[in-house]
Structure formats: C-alpha cells, structure tokens
Amino acid sequence: MAFEDRKGELLAAIGYGKSRLDTAKLALNDAGIRHKIRCFSEQD
C-alpha cells in the first residue's frame, strides 16, 4: 500500500516537472515570435 502512495507522488512530481518545461518552452516560443514580428515590422 505504501508503494501505491509513493507511485502517486512520483507521477505528480513528473507531471509537475513536465508542465514547468512546457511553460518554459511556450514562453521561449512567445518571445521568439515577438522578436520576429518586431524585426518584420521594422523593415518597412
């Protein structure tokens, strides 16, 4: 029974880590897109 509790904690920790990575990726993508838009609009 103790193993089942630990398994839940582990899955929660993995899920938390993945969501943090996804958030970081989204933030980087967003910054990259904004930079491209800024460069594109400054060309005019």
N, C-alpha and C. Protein backbone atom coordinates (compact mmCIF):
# COMPACT_ATOMS: atom_id res chain seq x y z
N MET A 1 0.82 -1.20 0.00
CA MET A 1 0.00 0.00 0.00
C MET A 1 0.87 1.27 0.00
N ALA A 2 1.97 1.22 0.72
CA ALA A 2 2.86 2.39 0.77
C ALA A 2 3.43 2.68 -0.61
N PHE A 3 3.67 1.62 -1.39
CA PHE A 3 4.21 1.81 -2.73
C PHE A 3 3.23 2.57 -3.61
N GLU A 4 1.95 2.28 -3.48
CA GLU A 4 0.94 2.98 -4.26
C GLU A 4 0.95 4.48 -3.95
N ASP A 5 1.10 4.81 -2.68
CA ASP A 5 1.16 6.23 -2.31
C ASP A 5 2.38 6.90 -2.94
N ARG A 6 3.49 6.21 -2.89
CA ARG A 6 4.73 6.75 -3.47
C ARG A 6 4.59 6.92 -4.97
N LYS A 7 3.93 5.95 -5.60
CA LYS A 7 3.75 6.00 -7.05
C LYS A 7 2.96 7.25 -7.43
N GLY A 8 1.94 7.55 -6.65
CA GLY A 8 1.15 8.76 -6.90
C GLY A 8 1.99 10.02 -6.75
N GLU A 9 2.84 10.04 -5.74
CA GLU A 9 3.72 11.20 -5.53
C GLU A 9 4.68 11.36 -6.70
N LEU A 10 5.22 10.24 -7.15
CA LEU A 10 6.16 10.27 -8.26
C LEU A 10 5.49 10.78 -9.53
N LEU A 11 4.30 10.27 -9.82
CA LEU A 11 3.58 10.72 -11.00
C LEU A 11 3.26 12.20 -10.91
N ALA A 12 2.89 12.66 -9.72
CA ALA A 12 2.59 14.08 -9.53
C ALA A 12 3.84 14.92 -9.77
N ALA A 13 4.98 14.44 -9.27
CA ALA A 13 6.24 15.17 -9.45
C ALA A 13 6.64 15.23 -10.92
N ILE A 14 6.48 14.10 -11.62
CA ILE A 14 6.81 14.06 -13.05
C ILE A 14 5.88 15.00 -13.82
N GLY A 15 4.60 14.95 -13.49
CA GLY A 15 3.63 15.83 -14.15
C GLY A 15 3.95 17.29 -13.92
N TYR A 16 4.34 17.62 -12.70
CA TYR A 16 4.68 19.00 -12.36
C TYR A 16 5.91 19.45 -13.14
N GLY A 17 6.92 18.57 -13.21
CA GLY A 17 8.13 18.90 -13.96
C GLY A 17 7.85 19.11 -15.44
N LYS A 18 7.01 18.25 -16.00
CA LYS A 18 6.67 18.37 -17.43
C LYS A 18 5.93 19.67 -17.70
N SER A 19 4.99 20.01 -16.84
CA SER A 19 4.21 21.23 -17.07
C SER A 19 5.11 22.46 -16.97
N ARG A 20 6.09 22.41 -16.08
CA ARG A 20 7.03 23.55 -15.97
C ARG A 20 7.87 23.66 -17.23
N LEU A 21 8.30 22.53 -17.77
CA LEU A 21 9.08 22.56 -19.01
C LEU A 21 8.24 23.10 -20.16
N ASP A 22 6.99 22.64 -20.25
CA ASP A 22 6.10 23.12 -21.31
C ASP A 22 5.89 24.62 -21.19
N THR A 23 5.73 25.10 -19.98
CA THR A 23 5.54 26.53 -19.76
C THR A 23 6.78 27.30 -20.21
N ALA A 24 7.95 26.78 -19.91
CA ALA A 24 9.19 27.43 -20.32
C ALA A 24 9.31 27.46 -21.83
N LYS A 25 8.96 26.34 -22.48
CA LYS A 25 9.01 26.27 -23.94
C LYS A 25 8.06 27.28 -24.56
N LEU A 26 6.84 27.37 -24.02
CA LEU A 26 5.86 28.31 -24.55
C LEU A 26 6.35 29.74 -24.39
N ALA A 27 6.96 30.04 -23.26
CA ALA A 27 7.47 31.39 -23.02
C ALA A 27 8.58 31.72 -24.02
N LEU A 28 9.47 30.77 -24.28
CA LEU A 28 10.55 30.99 -25.23
C LEU A 28 9.99 31.17 -26.64
N ASN A 29 9.03 30.32 -27.02
CA ASN A 29 8.42 30.44 -28.35
C ASN A 29 7.76 31.79 -28.50
N ASP A 30 7.05 32.23 -27.47
CA ASP A 30 6.35 33.51 -27.50
C ASP A 30 7.35 34.65 -27.68
N ALA A 31 8.45 34.60 -26.96
CA ALA A 31 9.47 35.64 -27.07
C ALA A 31 10.08 35.64 -28.47
N GLY A 32 10.32 34.46 -29.02
CA GLY A 32 10.89 34.35 -30.36
C GLY A 32 9.95 34.89 -31.42
N ILE A 33 8.68 34.60 -31.27
CA ILE A 33 7.68 35.08 -32.23
C ILE A 33 7.59 36.61 -32.16
N ARG A 34 7.58 37.13 -30.94
CA ARG A 34 7.51 38.59 -30.77
C ARG A 34 8.71 39.26 -31.42
N HIS A 35 9.88 38.66 -31.25
CA HIS A 35 11.10 39.23 -31.84
C HIS A 35 11.00 39.24 -33.36
N LYS A 36 10.51 38.14 -33.94
CA LYS A 36 10.36 38.06 -35.39
C LYS A 36 9.38 39.11 -35.89
N ILE A 37 8.28 39.27 -35.18
CA ILE A 37 7.27 40.26 -35.59
C ILE A 37 7.88 41.66 -35.52
N ARG A 38 8.64 41.94 -34.47
CA ARG A 38 9.26 43.25 -34.32
C ARG A 38 10.23 43.51 -35.47
N CYS A 39 11.06 42.53 -35.80
CA CYS A 39 12.02 42.68 -36.89
C CYS A 39 11.30 42.88 -38.21
N PHE A 40 10.23 42.13 -38.41
CA PHE A 40 9.47 42.21 -39.65
C PHE A 40 8.82 43.59 -39.80
N SER A 41 8.26 44.10 -38.71
CA SER A 41 7.57 45.40 -38.77
C SER A 41 8.57 46.55 -38.90
N GLU A 42 9.80 46.36 -38.43
CA GLU A 42 10.81 47.42 -38.53
C GLU A 42 11.41 47.51 -39.93
N GLN A 43 11.18 46.51 -40.76
CA GLN A 43 11.73 46.51 -42.12
C GLN A 43 11.05 47.56 -43.00
N ASP A 44 9.83 47.91 -42.69
CA ASP A 44 9.08 48.86 -43.53
C ASP A 44 9.65 50.23 -43.51
